[in-house]
């Protein structure tokens, strides 16, 4: 008994026997495999990351240099307002703002 093999690489699905295979007249198909994009590294990524890191360091040093006596006093006032009930804190905040506005106008 002869065994029949079905080839799936041709559109007609030609039938061949195991003793005398039929040669396909079609060219073999080439399949392209997509590369794993997560593993690809672009040269621009390193440059971009380096630039971002440098900018973050510049921002950190700039904010550190802004810490002076007025920044410290502002933090102190903010902490005092946080410890009050909300109505009293808002009233005091308004008084402080009014006082500072009047002082700036007089300059």
PDB file of N, CA and C in Angstrom:
ATOM      1  N   UNK A   1       0.842  -1.182   0.000  1.00  0.00           N
ATOM      2  CA  UNK A   1       0.000   0.000   0.000  1.00  0.00           C
ATOM      3  C   UNK A   1       0.886   1.242   0.000  1.00  0.00           C
ATOM      4  N   UNK A   2       0.583   2.201  -0.841  1.00  0.00           N
ATOM      5  CA  UNK A   2       1.380   3.414  -0.940  1.00  0.00           C
ATOM      6  C   UNK A   2       0.812   4.481  -0.009  1.00  0.00           C
ATOM      7  N   UNK A   3       1.758   5.206   0.612  1.00  0.00           N
ATOM      8  CA  UNK A   3       1.340   6.279   1.516  1.00  0.00           C
ATOM      9  C   UNK A   3       1.353   7.591   0.746  1.00  0.00           C
ATOM     10  N   UNK A   4       0.306   8.359   0.892  1.00  0.00           N
ATOM     11  CA  UNK A   4       0.210   9.627   0.186  1.00  0.00           C
ATOM     12  C   UNK A   4       0.530  10.767   1.145  1.00  0.00           C
ATOM     13  N   UNK A   5       1.384  11.711   0.702  1.00  0.00           N
ATOM     14  CA  UNK A   5       1.729  12.896   1.481  1.00  0.00           C
ATOM     15  C   UNK A   5       1.083  14.107   0.831  1.00  0.00           C
ATOM     16  N   UNK A   6       0.467  14.955   1.601  1.00  0.00           N
ATOM     17  CA  UNK A   6      -0.110  16.179   1.074  1.00  0.00           C
ATOM     18  C   UNK A   6       0.851  17.314   1.384  1.00  0.00           C
ATOM     19  N   UNK A   7       1.267  18.034   0.358  1.00  0.00           N
ATOM     20  CA  UNK A   7       2.176  19.162   0.536  1.00  0.00           C
ATOM     21  C   UNK A   7       1.345  20.434   0.645  1.00  0.00           C
ATOM     22  N   UNK A   8       1.645  21.206   1.635  1.00  0.00           N
ATOM     23  CA  UNK A   8       0.841  22.411   1.847  1.00  0.00           C
ATOM     24  C   UNK A   8       1.540  23.661   1.339  1.00  0.00           C
ATOM     25  N   UNK A   9       2.733  23.499   0.729  1.00  0.00           N
ATOM     26  CA  UNK A   9       3.440  24.681   0.271  1.00  0.00           C
ATOM     27  C   UNK A   9       2.995  25.143  -1.110  1.00  0.00           C
ATOM     28  N   UNK A  10       2.134  24.402  -1.792  1.00  0.00           N
ATOM     29  CA  UNK A  10       1.636  24.847  -3.085  1.00  0.00           C
ATOM     30  C   UNK A  10       0.151  25.143  -2.976  1.00  0.00           C
ATOM     31  N   UNK A  11      -0.332  26.088  -3.773  1.00  0.00           N
ATOM     32  CA  UNK A  11      -1.749  26.427  -3.683  1.00  0.00           C
ATOM     33  C   UNK A  11      -2.659  25.286  -4.087  1.00  0.00           C
ATOM     34  N   UNK A  12      -2.200  24.428  -4.983  1.00  0.00           N
ATOM     35  CA  UNK A  12      -3.049  23.330  -5.426  1.00  0.00           C
ATOM     36  C   UNK A  12      -3.006  22.160  -4.464  1.00  0.00           C
ATOM     37  N   UNK A  13      -2.095  22.177  -3.501  1.00  0.00           N
ATOM     38  CA  UNK A  13      -1.894  21.082  -2.554  1.00  0.00           C
ATOM     39  C   UNK A  13      -1.704  19.787  -3.317  1.00  0.00           C
ATOM     40  N   UNK A  14      -0.643  19.743  -4.122  1.00  0.00           N
ATOM     41  CA  UNK A  14      -0.378  18.567  -4.953  1.00  0.00           C
ATOM     42  C   UNK A  14      -0.135  17.345  -4.086  1.00  0.00           C
ATOM     43  N   UNK A  15      -0.487  16.199  -4.607  1.00  0.00           N
ATOM     44  CA  UNK A  15      -0.367  14.943  -3.879  1.00  0.00           C
ATOM     45  C   UNK A  15       0.826  14.197  -4.445  1.00  0.00           C
ATOM     46  N   UNK A  16       1.646  13.673  -3.565  1.00  0.00           N
ATOM     47  CA  UNK A  16       2.792  12.895  -4.017  1.00  0.00           C
ATOM     48  C   UNK A  16       2.889  11.628  -3.199  1.00  0.00           C
ATOM     49  N   UNK A  17       3.515  10.643  -3.783  1.00  0.00           N
ATOM     50  CA  UNK A  17       3.739   9.395  -3.045  1.00  0.00           C
ATOM     51  C   UNK A  17       5.109   9.458  -2.424  1.00  0.00           C
ATOM     52  N   UNK A  18       5.326   8.635  -1.435  1.00  0.00           N
ATOM     53  CA  UNK A  18       6.602   8.666  -0.749  1.00  0.00           C
ATOM     54  C   UNK A  18       7.730   8.137  -1.617  1.00  0.00           C
ATOM     55  N   UNK A  19       7.440   7.306  -2.633  1.00  0.00           N
ATOM     56  CA  UNK A  19       8.479   6.754  -3.505  1.00  0.00           C
ATOM     57  C   UNK A  19       8.867   7.731  -4.605  1.00  0.00           C
ATOM     58  N   UNK A  20       7.921   8.466  -5.143  1.00  0.00           N
ATOM     59  CA  UNK A  20       8.229   9.386  -6.237  1.00  0.00           C
ATOM     60  C   UNK A  20       7.607  10.747  -5.939  1.00  0.00           C
ATOM     61  N   UNK A  21       8.335  11.618  -5.227  1.00  0.00           N
ATOM     62  CA  UNK A  21       7.761  12.929  -4.896  1.00  0.00           C
ATOM     63  C   UNK A  21       7.641  13.808  -6.130  1.00  0.00           C
ATOM     64  N   UNK A  22       6.605  14.630  -6.139  1.00  0.00           N
ATOM     65  CA  UNK A  22       6.372  15.552  -7.239  1.00  0.00           C
ATOM     66  C   UNK A  22       7.131  16.825  -6.923  1.00  0.00           C
ATOM     67  N   UNK A  23       7.888  17.302  -7.900  1.00  0.00           N
ATOM     68  CA  UNK A  23       8.652  18.525  -7.705  1.00  0.00           C
ATOM     69  C   UNK A  23       7.735  19.725  -7.894  1.00  0.00           C
ATOM     70  N   UNK A  24       7.883  20.660  -7.020  1.00  0.00           N
ATOM     71  CA  UNK A  24       7.073  21.865  -7.104  1.00  0.00           C
ATOM     72  C   UNK A  24       7.729  22.844  -8.058  1.00  0.00           C
ATOM     73  N   UNK A  25       6.924  23.499  -8.865  1.00  0.00           N
ATOM     74  CA  UNK A  25       7.454  24.483  -9.802  1.00  0.00           C
ATOM     75  C   UNK A  25       7.477  25.875  -9.179  1.00  0.00           C
ATOM     76  N   UNK A  26       6.932  26.002  -8.002  1.00  0.00           N
ATOM     77  CA  UNK A  26       6.905  27.294  -7.337  1.00  0.00           C
ATOM     78  C   UNK A  26       8.201  27.507  -6.569  1.00  0.00           C
ATOM     79  N   UNK A  27       8.554  28.760  -6.433  1.00  0.00           N
ATOM     80  CA  UNK A  27       9.732  29.083  -5.633  1.00  0.00           C
ATOM     81  C   UNK A  27       9.360  29.012  -4.162  1.00  0.00           C
ATOM     82  N   UNK A  28      10.284  28.608  -3.322  1.00  0.00           N
ATOM     83  CA  UNK A  28       9.952  28.527  -1.896  1.00  0.00           C
ATOM     84  C   UNK A  28       9.665  29.914  -1.330  1.00  0.00           C
ATOM     85  N   UNK A  29       8.750  29.959  -0.419  1.00  0.00           N
ATOM     86  CA  UNK A  29       8.366  31.232   0.193  1.00  0.00           C
ATOM     87  C   UNK A  29       9.378  31.609   1.270  1.00  0.00           C
ATOM     88  N   UNK A  30       9.674  32.874   1.324  1.00  0.00           N
ATOM     89  CA  UNK A  30      10.580  33.385   2.344  1.00  0.00           C
ATOM     90  C   UNK A  30       9.764  34.177   3.351  1.00  0.00           C
ATOM     91  N   UNK A  31       9.898  33.829   4.592  1.00  0.00           N
ATOM     92  CA  UNK A  31       9.180  34.525   5.647  1.00  0.00           C
ATOM     93  C   UNK A  31      10.153  35.424   6.385  1.00  0.00           C
ATOM     94  N   UNK A  32       9.726  36.647   6.595  1.00  0.00           N
ATOM     95  CA  UNK A  32      10.559  37.602   7.314  1.00  0.00           C
ATOM     96  C   UNK A  32      10.134  37.616   8.775  1.00  0.00           C
ATOM     97  N   UNK A  33      11.099  37.483   9.632  1.00  0.00           N
ATOM     98  CA  UNK A  33      10.829  37.499  11.067  1.00  0.00           C
ATOM     99  C   UNK A  33      11.086  38.904  11.573  1.00  0.00           C
ATOM    100  N   UNK A  34      10.100  39.468  12.231  1.00  0.00           N
ATOM    101  CA  UNK A  34      10.261  40.800  12.805  1.00  0.00           C
ATOM    102  C   UNK A  34      11.176  40.729  14.015  1.00  0.00           C
ATOM    103  N   UNK A  35      12.114  41.635  14.133  1.00  0.00           N
ATOM    104  CA  UNK A  35      12.976  41.622  15.314  1.00  0.00           C
ATOM    105  C   UNK A  35      12.197  42.077  16.538  1.00  0.00           C
ATOM    106  N   UNK A  36      12.626  41.628  17.675  1.00  0.00           N
ATOM    107  CA  UNK A  36      11.994  42.035  18.924  1.00  0.00           C
ATOM    108  C   UNK A  36      12.378  43.486  19.189  1.00  0.00           C
ATOM    109  N   UNK A  37      11.416  44.396  19.053  1.00  0.00           N
ATOM    110  CA  UNK A  37      11.698  45.821  19.159  1.00  0.00           C
ATOM    111  C   UNK A  37      12.123  46.234  20.558  1.00  0.00           C
ATOM    112  N   UNK A  38      11.714  45.485  21.561  1.00  0.00           N
ATOM    113  CA  UNK A  38      12.091  45.834  22.922  1.00  0.00           C
ATOM    114  C   UNK A  38      13.586  45.634  23.149  1.00  0.00           C
ATOM    115  N   UNK A  39      14.162  44.692  22.423  1.00  0.00           N
ATOM    116  CA  UNK A  39      15.571  44.394  22.618  1.00  0.00           C
ATOM    117  C   UNK A  39      16.482  45.257  21.757  1.00  0.00           C
ATOM    118  N   UNK A  40      15.924  45.914  20.751  1.00  0.00           N
ATOM    119  CA  UNK A  40      16.744  46.761  19.900  1.00  0.00           C
ATOM    120  C   UNK A  40      17.101  48.035  20.644  1.00  0.00           C
ATOM    121  N   UNK A  41      18.332  48.469  20.512  1.00  0.00           N
ATOM    122  CA  UNK A  41      18.745  49.713  21.128  1.00  0.00           C
ATOM    123  C   UNK A  41      19.139  50.668  20.028  1.00  0.00           C
ATOM    124  N   UNK A  42      18.603  51.815  20.063  1.00  0.00           N
ATOM    125  CA  UNK A  42      18.950  52.821  19.079  1.00  0.00           C
ATOM    126  C   UNK A  42      20.060  53.685  19.652  1.00  0.00           C
ATOM    127  N   UNK A  43      20.926  54.156  18.799  1.00  0.00           N
ATOM    128  CA  UNK A  43      22.047  54.958  19.269  1.00  0.00           C
ATOM    129  C   UNK A  43      21.562  56.281  19.845  1.00  0.00           C
ATOM    130  N   UNK A  44      20.458  56.806  19.362  1.00  0.00           N
ATOM    131  CA  UNK A  44      19.928  58.060  19.874  1.00  0.00           C
ATOM    132  C   UNK A  44      19.392  57.945  21.281  1.00  0.00           C
ATOM    133  N   UNK A  45      18.980  56.739  21.695  1.00  0.00           N
ATOM    134  CA  UNK A  45      18.440  56.552  23.037  1.00  0.00           C
ATOM    135  C   UNK A  45      19.479  56.862  24.100  1.00  0.00           C
ATOM    136  N   UNK A  46      20.726  56.430  23.896  1.00  0.00           N
ATOM    137  CA  UNK A  46      21.780  56.695  24.862  1.00  0.00           C
ATOM    138  C   UNK A  46      22.058  58.187  24.966  1.00  0.00           C
ATOM    139  N   UNK A  47      22.083  58.859  23.837  1.00  0.00           N
ATOM    140  CA  UNK A  47      22.330  60.294  23.827  1.00  0.00           C
ATOM    141  C   UNK A  47      21.199  61.037  24.519  1.00  0.00           C
ATOM    142  N   UNK A  48      19.976  60.638  24.246  1.00  0.00           N
ATOM    143  CA  UNK A  48      18.816  61.275  24.868  1.00  0.00           C
ATOM    144  C   UNK A  48      18.817  61.051  26.371  1.00  0.00           C
ATOM    145  N   UNK A  49      19.084  59.834  26.798  1.00  0.00           N
ATOM    146  CA  UNK A  49      19.117  59.530  28.228  1.00  0.00           C
ATOM    147  C   UNK A  49      20.200  60.328  28.928  1.00  0.00           C
ATOM    148  N   UNK A  50      21.338  60.443  28.295  1.00  0.00           N
ATOM    149  CA  UNK A  50      22.442  61.208  28.871  1.00  0.00           C
ATOM    150  C   UNK A  50      22.056  62.679  29.018  1.00  0.00           C
ATOM    151  N   UNK A  51      21.415  63.232  27.999  1.00  0.00           N
ATOM    152  CA  UNK A  51      20.994  64.635  28.050  1.00  0.00           C
ATOM    153  C   UNK A  51      19.950  64.858  29.134  1.00  0.00           C
ATOM    154  N   UNK A  52      19.021  63.927  29.275  1.00  0.00           N
ATOM    155  CA  UNK A  52      17.986  64.050  30.306  1.00  0.00           C
ATOM    156  C   UNK A  52      18.617  64.010  31.690  1.00  0.00           C
ATOM    157  N   UNK A  53      19.555  63.101  31.903  1.00  0.00           N
ATOM    158  CA  UNK A  53      20.229  63.015  33.203  1.00  0.00           C
ATOM    159  C   UNK A  53      20.976  64.296  33.530  1.00  0.00           C
ATOM    160  N   UNK A  54      21.650  64.878  32.536  1.00  0.00           N
ATOM    161  CA  UNK A  54      22.370  66.131  32.767  1.00  0.00           C
ATOM    162  C   UNK A  54      21.407  67.257  33.134  1.00  0.00           C
ATOM    163  N   UNK A  55      20.278  67.331  32.431  1.00  0.00           N
ATOM    164  CA  UNK A  55      19.294  68.377  32.732  1.00  0.00           C
ATOM    165  C   UNK A  55      18.701  68.211  34.125  1.00  0.00           C
ATOM    166  N   UNK A  56      18.469  66.964  34.541  1.00  0.00           N
ATOM    167  CA  UNK A  56      17.938  66.730  35.885  1.00  0.00           C
ATOM    168  C   UNK A  56      18.931  67.185  36.945  1.00  0.00           C
ATOM    169  N   UNK A  57      20.215  66.928  36.725  1.00  0.00           N
ATOM    170  CA  UNK A  57      21.238  67.364  37.683  1.00  0.00           C
ATOM    171  C   UNK A  57      21.305  68.881  37.755  1.00  0.00           C
ATOM    172  N   UNK A  58      21.174  69.544  36.606  1.00  0.00           N
ATOM    173  CA  UNK A  58      21.187  71.009  36.583  1.00  0.00           C
ATOM    174  C   UNK A  58      19.994  71.559  37.354  1.00  0.00           C
ATOM    175  N   UNK A  59      18.809  70.969  37.148  1.00  0.00           N
ATOM    176  CA  UNK A  59      17.600  71.420  37.860  1.00  0.00           C
ATOM    177  C   UNK A  59      17.747  71.226  39.364  1.00  0.00           C
ATOM    178  N   UNK A  60      18.302  70.084  39.765  1.00  0.00           N
ATOM    179  CA  UNK A  60      18.485  69.824  41.193  1.00  0.00           C
ATOM    180  C   UNK A  60      19.439  70.833  41.814  1.00  0.00           C
ATOM    181  N   UNK A  61      20.531  71.136  41.127  1.00  0.00           N
ATOM    182  CA  UNK A  61      21.486  72.094  41.683  1.00  0.00           C
ATOM    183  C   UNK A  61      20.902  73.506  41.693  1.00  0.00           C
ATOM    184  N   UNK A  62      20.060  73.837  40.720  1.00  0.00           N
ATOM    185  CA  UNK A  62      19.444  75.163  40.679  1.00  0.00           C
ATOM    186  C   UNK A  62      18.468  75.344  41.833  1.00  0.00           C
ATOM    187  N   UNK A  63      17.683  74.321  42.141  1.00  0.00           N
ATOM    188  CA  UNK A  63      16.733  74.451  43.247  1.00  0.00           C
ATOM    189  C   UNK A  63      17.450  74.459  44.585  1.00  0.00           C
ATOM    190  N   UNK A  64      18.576  73.768  44.686  1.00  0.00           N
ATOM    191  CA  UNK A  64      19.336  73.800  45.931  1.00  0.00           C
ATOM    192  C   UNK A  64      19.917  75.182  46.174  1.00  0.00           C
ATOM    193  N   UNK A  65      20.343  75.871  45.100  1.00  0.00           N
ATOM    194  CA  UNK A  65      20.937  77.189  45.263  1.00  0.00           C
ATOM    195  C   UNK A  65      19.888  78.243  45.617  1.00  0.00           C
ATOM    196  N   UNK A  66      18.606  77.972  45.370  1.00  0.00           N
ATOM    197  CA  UNK A  66      17.554  78.924  45.712  1.00  0.00           C
ATOM    198  C   UNK A  66      17.185  78.895  47.194  1.00  0.00           C
ATOM    199  N   UNK A  67      17.665  77.912  47.927  1.00  0.00           N
ATOM    200  CA  UNK A  67      17.363  77.827  49.356  1.00  0.00           C
ATOM    201  C   UNK A  67      18.129  78.933  50.076  1.00  0.00           C
ATOM    202  N   UNK A  68      17.413  79.940  50.504  1.00  0.00           N
ATOM    203  CA  UNK A  68      18.022  81.006  51.292  1.00  0.00           C
ATOM    204  C   UNK A  68      17.137  81.261  52.504  1.00  0.00           C
ATOM    205  N   UNK A  69      17.404  82.323  53.219  1.00  0.00           N
ATOM    206  CA  UNK A  69      16.640  82.593  54.444  1.00  0.00           C
ATOM    207  C   UNK A  69      15.153  82.822  54.169  1.00  0.00           C
ATOM    208  N   UNK A  70      14.825  83.384  52.997  1.00  0.00           N
ATOM    209  CA  UNK A  70      13.421  83.644  52.681  1.00  0.00           C
ATOM    210  C   UNK A  70      12.677  82.349  52.363  1.00  0.00           C
ATOM    211  N   UNK A  71      13.360  81.434  51.680  1.00  0.00           N
ATOM    212  CA  UNK A  71      12.771  80.124  51.399  1.00  0.00           C
ATOM    213  C   UNK A  71      12.506  79.386  52.705  1.00  0.00           C
ATOM    214  N   UNK A  72      13.457  79.464  53.606  1.00  0.00           N
ATOM    215  CA  UNK A  72      13.308  78.804  54.905  1.00  0.00           C
ATOM    216  C   UNK A  72      12.156  79.425  55.692  1.00  0.00           C
ATOM    217  N   UNK A  73      12.061  80.760  55.666  1.00  0.00           N
ATOM    218  CA  UNK A  73      10.974  81.438  56.377  1.00  0.00           C
ATOM    219  C   UNK A  73       9.621  81.077  55.768  1.00  0.00           C
ATOM    220  N   UNK A  74       9.555  80.983  54.444  1.00  0.00           N
ATOM    221  CA  UNK A  74       8.315  80.595  53.777  1.00  0.00           C
ATOM    222  C   UNK A  74       7.875  79.197  54.188  1.00  0.00           C
ATOM    223  N   UNK A  75       8.822  78.279  54.296  1.00  0.00           N
ATOM    224  CA  UNK A  75       8.496  76.921  54.751  1.00  0.00           C
ATOM    225  C   UNK A  75       7.997  76.934  56.189  1.00  0.00           C
ATOM    226  N   UNK A  76       8.610  77.785  57.012  1.00  0.00           N
ATOM    227  CA  UNK A  76       8.179  77.909  58.409  1.00  0.00           C
ATOM    228  C   UNK A  76       6.734  78.412  58.483  1.00  0.00           C
ATOM    229  N   UNK A  77       6.423  79.452  57.712  1.00  0.00           N
ATOM    230  CA  UNK A  77       5.064  80.006  57.714  1.00  0.00           C
ATOM    231  C   UNK A  77       4.071  78.961  57.204  1.00  0.00           C
ATOM    232  N   UNK A  78       4.440  78.239  56.164  1.00  0.00           N
ATOM    233  CA  UNK A  78       3.556  77.203  55.617  1.00  0.00           C
ATOM    234  C   UNK A  78       3.273  76.129  56.663  1.00  0.00           C
ATOM    235  N   UNK A  79       4.276  75.720  57.403  1.00  0.00           N
ATOM    236  CA  UNK A  79       4.065  74.715  58.451  1.00  0.00           C
ATOM    237  C   UNK A  79       3.168  75.242  59.563  1.00  0.00           C
ATOM    238  N   UNK A  80       3.318  76.513  59.910  1.00  0.00           N
ATOM    239  CA  UNK A  80       2.458  77.105  60.936  1.00  0.00           C
ATOM    240  C   UNK A  80       1.001  77.140  60.464  1.00  0.00           C
ATOM    241  N   UNK A  81       0.789  77.501  59.207  1.00  0.00           N
ATOM    242  CA  UNK A  81      -0.569  77.547  58.668  1.00  0.00           C
ATOM    243  C   UNK A  81      -1.185  76.145  58.612  1.00  0.00           C
ATOM    244  N   UNK A  82      -0.394  75.145  58.316  1.00  0.00           N
ATOM    245  CA  UNK A  82      -0.901  73.766  58.266  1.00  0.00           C
ATOM    246  C   UNK A  82      -1.381  73.282  59.631  1.00  0.00           C
ATOM    247  N   UNK A  83      -0.778  73.795  60.672  1.00  0.00           N
ATOM    248  CA  UNK A  83      -1.138  73.352  62.025  1.00  0.00           C
ATOM    249  C   UNK A  83      -2.382  74.047  62.572  1.00  0.00           C
ATOM    250  N   UNK A  84      -2.913  75.024  61.859  1.00  0.00           N
ATOM    251  CA  UNK A  84      -4.116  75.740  62.298  1.00  0.00           C
ATOM    252  C   UNK A  84      -5.348  75.095  61.668  1.00  0.00           C
ATOM    253  N   UNK A  85      -6.528  75.412  62.260  1.00  0.00           N
ATOM    254  CA  UNK A  85      -7.742  74.965  61.575  1.00  0.00           C
ATOM    255  C   UNK A  85      -7.873  75.776  60.286  1.00  0.00           C
ATOM    256  N   UNK A  86      -8.599  75.265  59.345  1.00  0.00           N
ATOM    257  CA  UNK A  86      -8.608  75.810  57.991  1.00  0.00           C
ATOM    258  C   UNK A  86      -9.098  77.258  57.931  1.00  0.00           C
ATOM    259  N   UNK A  87     -10.098  77.601  58.718  1.00  0.00           N
ATOM    260  CA  UNK A  87     -10.633  78.974  58.683  1.00  0.00           C
ATOM    261  C   UNK A  87      -9.589  79.963  59.179  1.00  0.00           C
ATOM    262  N   UNK A  88      -8.979  79.645  60.304  1.00  0.00           N
ATOM    263  CA  UNK A  88      -7.952  80.545  60.852  1.00  0.00           C
ATOM    264  C   UNK A  88      -6.740  80.616  59.914  1.00  0.00           C
ATOM    265  N   UNK A  89      -6.360  79.505  59.308  1.00  0.00           N
ATOM    266  CA  UNK A  89      -5.213  79.487  58.394  1.00  0.00           C
ATOM    267  C   UNK A  89      -5.471  80.382  57.182  1.00  0.00           C
ATOM    268  N   UNK A  90      -6.682  80.321  56.618  1.00  0.00           N
ATOM    269  CA  UNK A  90      -7.010  81.144  55.448  1.00  0.00           C
ATOM    270  C   UNK A  90      -7.043  82.622  55.830  1.00  0.00           C
ATOM    271  N   UNK A  91      -7.584  82.942  57.004  1.00  0.00           N
ATOM    272  CA  UNK A  91      -7.601  84.341  57.463  1.00  0.00           C
ATOM    273  C   UNK A  91      -6.176  84.876  57.623  1.00  0.00           C
ATOM    274  N   UNK A  92      -5.303  84.094  58.242  1.00  0.00           N
ATOM    275  CA  UNK A  92      -3.917  84.534  58.432  1.00  0.00           C
ATOM    276  C   UNK A  92      -3.170  84.637  57.106  1.00  0.00           C
ATOM    277  N   UNK A  93      -3.464  83.730  56.208  1.00  0.00           N
ATOM    278  CA  UNK A  93      -2.845  83.787  54.886  1.00  0.00           C
ATOM    279  C   UNK A  93      -3.244  85.081  54.180  1.00  0.00           C
ATOM    280  N   UNK A  94      -4.502  85.462  54.289  1.00  0.00           N
ATOM    281  CA  UNK A  94      -4.977  86.704  53.676  1.00  0.00           C
ATOM    282  C   UNK A  94      -4.289  87.913  54.308  1.00  0.00           C
ATOM    283  N   UNK A  95      -4.127  87.903  55.635  1.00  0.00           N
ATOM    284  CA  UNK A  95      -3.450  89.021  56.313  1.00  0.00           C
ATOM    285  C   UNK A  95      -1.988  89.129  55.878  1.00  0.00           C
ATOM    286  N   UNK A  96      -1.319  88.000  55.776  1.00  0.00           N
ATOM    287  CA  UNK A  96       0.086  88.007  55.348  1.00  0.00           C
ATOM    288  C   UNK A  96       0.193  88.545  53.921  1.00  0.00           C
ATOM    289  N   UNK A  97      -0.694  88.098  53.045  1.00  0.00           N
ATOM    290  CA  UNK A  97      -0.678  88.566  51.655  1.00  0.00           C
ATOM    291  C   UNK A  97      -0.929  90.063  51.574  1.00  0.00           C
ATOM    292  N   UNK A  98      -1.875  90.558  52.358  1.00  0.00           N
ATOM    293  CA  UNK A  98      -2.175  91.993  52.372  1.00  0.00           C
ATOM    294  C   UNK A  98      -0.972  92.784  52.869  1.00  0.00           C
ATOM    295  N   UNK A  99      -0.350  92.308  53.936  1.00  0.00           N
ATOM    296  CA  UNK A  99       0.821  92.978  54.502  1.00  0.00           C
ATOM    297  C   UNK A  99       1.966  93.045  53.485  1.00  0.00           C
ATOM    298  N   UNK A 100       2.225  91.948  52.804  1.00  0.00           N
ATOM    299  CA  UNK A 100       3.297  91.923  51.808  1.00  0.00           C
ATOM    300  C   UNK A 100       2.969  92.810  50.611  1.00  0.00           C
ATOM    301  N   UNK A 101       1.711  92.826  50.189  1.00  0.00           N
ATOM    302  CA  UNK A 101       1.311  93.678  49.061  1.00  0.00           C
ATOM    303  C   UNK A 101       1.486  95.148  49.400  1.00  0.00           C
ATOM    304  N   UNK A 102       1.091  95.554  50.599  1.00  0.00           N
ATOM    305  CA  UNK A 102       1.255  96.954  51.021  1.00  0.00           C
ATOM    306  C   UNK A 102       2.735  97.332  51.068  1.00  0.00           C
ATOM    307  N   UNK A 103       3.578  96.420  51.549  1.00  0.00           N
ATOM    308  CA  UNK A 103       5.012  96.701  51.631  1.00  0.00           C
ATOM    309  C   UNK A 103       5.619  96.870  50.237  1.00  0.00           C
ATOM    310  N   UNK A 104       5.172  96.092  49.284  1.00  0.00           N
ATOM    311  CA  UNK A 104       5.703  96.213  47.920  1.00  0.00           C
ATOM    312  C   UNK A 104       5.243  97.504  47.261  1.00  0.00           C
ATOM    313  N   UNK A 105       4.005  97.927  47.565  1.00  0.00           N
ATOM    314  CA  UNK A 105       3.486  99.168  46.977  1.00  0.00           C
ATOM    315  C   UNK A 105       4.280 100.363  47.499  1.00  0.00           C
ATOM    316  N   UNK A 106       4.680 100.326  48.749  1.00  0.00           N
ATOM    317  CA  UNK A 106       5.407 101.441  49.359  1.00  0.00           C
ATOM    318  C   UNK A 106       6.846 101.550  48.855  1.00  0.00           C
ATOM    319  N   UNK A 107       7.362 100.517  48.233  1.00  0.00           N
ATOM    320  CA  UNK A 107       8.749 100.578  47.738  1.00  0.00           C
ATOM    321  C   UNK A 107       8.912 101.538  46.609  1.00  0.00           C
TER     322      UNK A 107
END
